[in-house]
């Protein structure tokens, strides 16, 4: 990612942040900064779109956890659009799916219809 905001779009006070195909130590710092910058704009809700992400290591999980902490500290909510991404297994193994609402896609997140992505 070269431009920190190139993968952010807005629907009112709802920010949708599209994640890259792979999240690991090489790009987690940039993603952490990007999500912090989005939180600083005080959205009501942030949806992290992982539907096209095929790999996420522990550095990426840390980014998601920090984004959740920042969003909730600012009175907002972090949601994850997951679809059929293989990342769902990692989120379930570490229990992040118990803390952050998971949606099958961005549209369901925008609509507010939570559902399990089992």
C-alpha atoms as a PDB file:
ATOM      1  CA  UNK A   1       0.000   0.000   0.000  1.00  0.00           C
ATOM      2  CA  UNK A   2       1.545   3.242  -1.022  1.00  0.00           C
ATOM      3  CA  UNK A   3      -1.239   5.714  -0.221  1.00  0.00           C
ATOM      4  CA  UNK A   4      -2.532   5.265   3.327  1.00  0.00           C
ATOM      5  CA  UNK A   5      -6.114   6.106   2.393  1.00  0.00           C
ATOM      6  CA  UNK A   6      -6.364   4.464  -1.030  1.00  0.00           C
ATOM      7  CA  UNK A   7      -8.425   1.572   0.321  1.00  0.00           C
ATOM      8  CA  UNK A   8     -10.897   3.574   2.443  1.00  0.00           C
ATOM      9  CA  UNK A   9     -14.379   4.542   1.364  1.00  0.00           C
ATOM     10  CA  UNK A  10     -17.169   6.157   3.325  1.00  0.00           C
ATOM     11  CA  UNK A  11     -20.916   5.683   3.594  1.00  0.00           C
ATOM     12  CA  UNK A  12     -22.021   8.483   5.888  1.00  0.00           C
ATOM     13  CA  UNK A  13     -20.166   7.975   9.166  1.00  0.00           C
ATOM     14  CA  UNK A  14     -19.339   4.372   8.273  1.00  0.00           C
ATOM     15  CA  UNK A  15     -15.791   3.785   6.994  1.00  0.00           C
ATOM     16  CA  UNK A  16     -15.005   0.700   4.932  1.00  0.00           C
ATOM     17  CA  UNK A  17     -11.323  -0.231   4.885  1.00  0.00           C
ATOM     18  CA  UNK A  18     -10.340  -2.854   2.320  1.00  0.00           C
ATOM     19  CA  UNK A  19      -7.418  -4.969   3.406  1.00  0.00           C
ATOM     20  CA  UNK A  20      -4.776  -6.393   1.041  1.00  0.00           C
ATOM     21  CA  UNK A  21      -4.587 -10.013  -0.095  1.00  0.00           C
ATOM     22  CA  UNK A  22      -2.007 -10.780   2.585  1.00  0.00           C
ATOM     23  CA  UNK A  23      -1.362  -9.161   5.948  1.00  0.00           C
ATOM     24  CA  UNK A  24       1.944  -9.856   7.626  1.00  0.00           C
ATOM     25  CA  UNK A  25       4.897  -8.142   9.245  1.00  0.00           C
ATOM     26  CA  UNK A  26       5.869  -6.433   5.986  1.00  0.00           C
ATOM     27  CA  UNK A  27       2.664  -4.377   5.734  1.00  0.00           C
ATOM     28  CA  UNK A  28       1.151  -4.462   9.219  1.00  0.00           C
ATOM     29  CA  UNK A  29       2.766  -1.172  10.265  1.00  0.00           C
ATOM     30  CA  UNK A  30       1.214   0.674   7.323  1.00  0.00           C
ATOM     31  CA  UNK A  31      -2.169  -0.942   7.975  1.00  0.00           C
ATOM     32  CA  UNK A  32      -1.964  -0.049  11.665  1.00  0.00           C
ATOM     33  CA  UNK A  33      -1.322   3.596  10.752  1.00  0.00           C
ATOM     34  CA  UNK A  34      -4.105   3.561   8.170  1.00  0.00           C
ATOM     35  CA  UNK A  35      -6.669   2.218  10.626  1.00  0.00           C
ATOM     36  CA  UNK A  36      -5.540   4.666  13.328  1.00  0.00           C
ATOM     37  CA  UNK A  37      -5.976   7.522  10.831  1.00  0.00           C
ATOM     38  CA  UNK A  38      -9.494   6.323  10.027  1.00  0.00           C
ATOM     39  CA  UNK A  39     -10.363   6.085  13.739  1.00  0.00           C
ATOM     40  CA  UNK A  40      -9.046   9.650  14.202  1.00  0.00           C
ATOM     41  CA  UNK A  41     -11.773  10.826  11.802  1.00  0.00           C
ATOM     42  CA  UNK A  42     -14.373   9.665  14.379  1.00  0.00           C
ATOM     43  CA  UNK A  43     -16.502   7.308  12.309  1.00  0.00           C
ATOM     44  CA  UNK A  44     -19.467   5.714  14.012  1.00  0.00           C
ATOM     45  CA  UNK A  45     -18.527   2.345  12.511  1.00  0.00           C
ATOM     46  CA  UNK A  46     -15.500   0.925  10.729  1.00  0.00           C
ATOM     47  CA  UNK A  47     -15.810  -2.197   8.631  1.00  0.00           C
ATOM     48  CA  UNK A  48     -12.538  -3.941   7.917  1.00  0.00           C
ATOM     49  CA  UNK A  49     -13.062  -5.793   4.642  1.00  0.00           C
ATOM     50  CA  UNK A  50     -11.117  -9.059   4.756  1.00  0.00           C
ATOM     51  CA  UNK A  51     -13.235 -10.823   2.131  1.00  0.00           C
ATOM     52  CA  UNK A  52     -10.336 -10.946  -0.349  1.00  0.00           C
ATOM     53  CA  UNK A  53      -7.607 -11.515   2.246  1.00  0.00           C
ATOM     54  CA  UNK A  54      -6.102 -14.988   2.026  1.00  0.00           C
ATOM     55  CA  UNK A  55      -3.401 -14.747   4.698  1.00  0.00           C
ATOM     56  CA  UNK A  56      -3.101 -12.936   8.019  1.00  0.00           C
ATOM     57  CA  UNK A  57      -0.319 -13.619  10.507  1.00  0.00           C
ATOM     58  CA  UNK A  58      -0.058 -12.559  14.147  1.00  0.00           C
ATOM     59  CA  UNK A  59       1.094  -9.065  13.179  1.00  0.00           C
ATOM     60  CA  UNK A  60      -2.144  -8.610  11.263  1.00  0.00           C
ATOM     61  CA  UNK A  61      -4.214  -9.937  14.155  1.00  0.00           C
ATOM     62  CA  UNK A  62      -2.472  -7.378  16.361  1.00  0.00           C
ATOM     63  CA  UNK A  63      -3.475  -4.623  13.928  1.00  0.00           C
ATOM     64  CA  UNK A  64      -7.122  -5.714  14.086  1.00  0.00           C
ATOM     65  CA  UNK A  65      -7.073  -5.918  17.880  1.00  0.00           C
ATOM     66  CA  UNK A  66      -5.536  -2.432  18.192  1.00  0.00           C
ATOM     67  CA  UNK A  67      -8.042  -1.002  15.729  1.00  0.00           C
ATOM     68  CA  UNK A  68     -10.861  -2.489  17.802  1.00  0.00           C
ATOM     69  CA  UNK A  69      -9.425  -0.930  20.975  1.00  0.00           C
ATOM     70  CA  UNK A  70      -9.007   2.476  19.329  1.00  0.00           C
ATOM     71  CA  UNK A  71     -12.464   2.443  17.764  1.00  0.00           C
ATOM     72  CA  UNK A  72     -14.246   1.499  20.979  1.00  0.00           C
ATOM     73  CA  UNK A  73     -12.209   4.001  23.016  1.00  0.00           C
ATOM     74  CA  UNK A  74     -13.481   6.697  20.625  1.00  0.00           C
ATOM     75  CA  UNK A  75     -17.089   5.529  21.020  1.00  0.00           C
ATOM     76  CA  UNK A  76     -17.159   3.733  17.678  1.00  0.00           C
ATOM     77  CA  UNK A  77     -17.461   0.153  16.579  1.00  0.00           C
ATOM     78  CA  UNK A  78     -15.158  -2.051  14.539  1.00  0.00           C
ATOM     79  CA  UNK A  79     -16.713  -4.750  12.374  1.00  0.00           C
ATOM     80  CA  UNK A  80     -15.106  -7.343  10.140  1.00  0.00           C
ATOM     81  CA  UNK A  81     -16.488  -8.426   6.766  1.00  0.00           C
ATOM     82  CA  UNK A  82     -15.038 -11.883   6.281  1.00  0.00           C
ATOM     83  CA  UNK A  83     -16.911 -13.837   3.641  1.00  0.00           C
ATOM     84  CA  UNK A  84     -15.211 -17.148   2.888  1.00  0.00           C
ATOM     85  CA  UNK A  85     -11.722 -15.861   3.621  1.00  0.00           C
ATOM     86  CA  UNK A  86      -9.331 -18.446   5.077  1.00  0.00           C
ATOM     87  CA  UNK A  87      -8.562 -15.818   7.712  1.00  0.00           C
ATOM     88  CA  UNK A  88     -11.800 -16.824   9.455  1.00  0.00           C
ATOM     89  CA  UNK A  89     -10.073 -19.870  10.943  1.00  0.00           C
ATOM     90  CA  UNK A  90      -7.367 -17.714  12.522  1.00  0.00           C
ATOM     91  CA  UNK A  91      -9.926 -15.279  13.944  1.00  0.00           C
ATOM     92  CA  UNK A  92     -11.874 -18.174  15.461  1.00  0.00           C
ATOM     93  CA  UNK A  93      -8.775 -19.859  16.893  1.00  0.00           C
ATOM     94  CA  UNK A  94      -7.706 -16.752  18.772  1.00  0.00           C
ATOM     95  CA  UNK A  95     -11.265 -15.743  19.722  1.00  0.00           C
ATOM     96  CA  UNK A  96     -11.335 -12.368  17.971  1.00  0.00           C
ATOM     97  CA  UNK A  97     -14.668 -13.389  16.446  1.00  0.00           C
ATOM     98  CA  UNK A  98     -16.066 -13.349  20.002  1.00  0.00           C
ATOM     99  CA  UNK A  99     -15.041  -9.710  20.500  1.00  0.00           C
ATOM    100  CA  UNK A 100     -15.484  -8.093  17.088  1.00  0.00           C
ATOM    101  CA  UNK A 101     -18.739  -8.552  15.134  1.00  0.00           C
ATOM    102  CA  UNK A 102     -18.222 -10.650  11.999  1.00  0.00           C
ATOM    103  CA  UNK A 103     -20.303 -10.132   8.858  1.00  0.00           C
ATOM    104  CA  UNK A 104     -20.437 -12.235   5.686  1.00  0.00           C
ATOM    105  CA  UNK A 105     -19.729  -9.192   3.484  1.00  0.00           C
ATOM    106  CA  UNK A 106     -19.507  -5.402   3.509  1.00  0.00           C
ATOM    107  CA  UNK A 107     -23.148  -4.901   2.569  1.00  0.00           C
ATOM    108  CA  UNK A 108     -24.362  -6.899   5.591  1.00  0.00           C
ATOM    109  CA  UNK A 109     -22.087  -4.802   7.782  1.00  0.00           C
ATOM    110  CA  UNK A 110     -23.488  -1.597   6.266  1.00  0.00           C
ATOM    111  CA  UNK A 111     -27.005  -2.936   6.874  1.00  0.00           C
ATOM    112  CA  UNK A 112     -26.080  -3.954  10.428  1.00  0.00           C
ATOM    113  CA  UNK A 113     -27.168  -7.566  10.003  1.00  0.00           C
ATOM    114  CA  UNK A 114     -24.667  -9.550  12.051  1.00  0.00           C
ATOM    115  CA  UNK A 115     -24.299 -13.194  11.200  1.00  0.00           C
ATOM    116  CA  UNK A 116     -21.823 -15.904  11.871  1.00  0.00           C
ATOM    117  CA  UNK A 117     -19.389 -16.776   9.119  1.00  0.00           C
ATOM    118  CA  UNK A 118     -19.073 -20.426   9.983  1.00  0.00           C
END
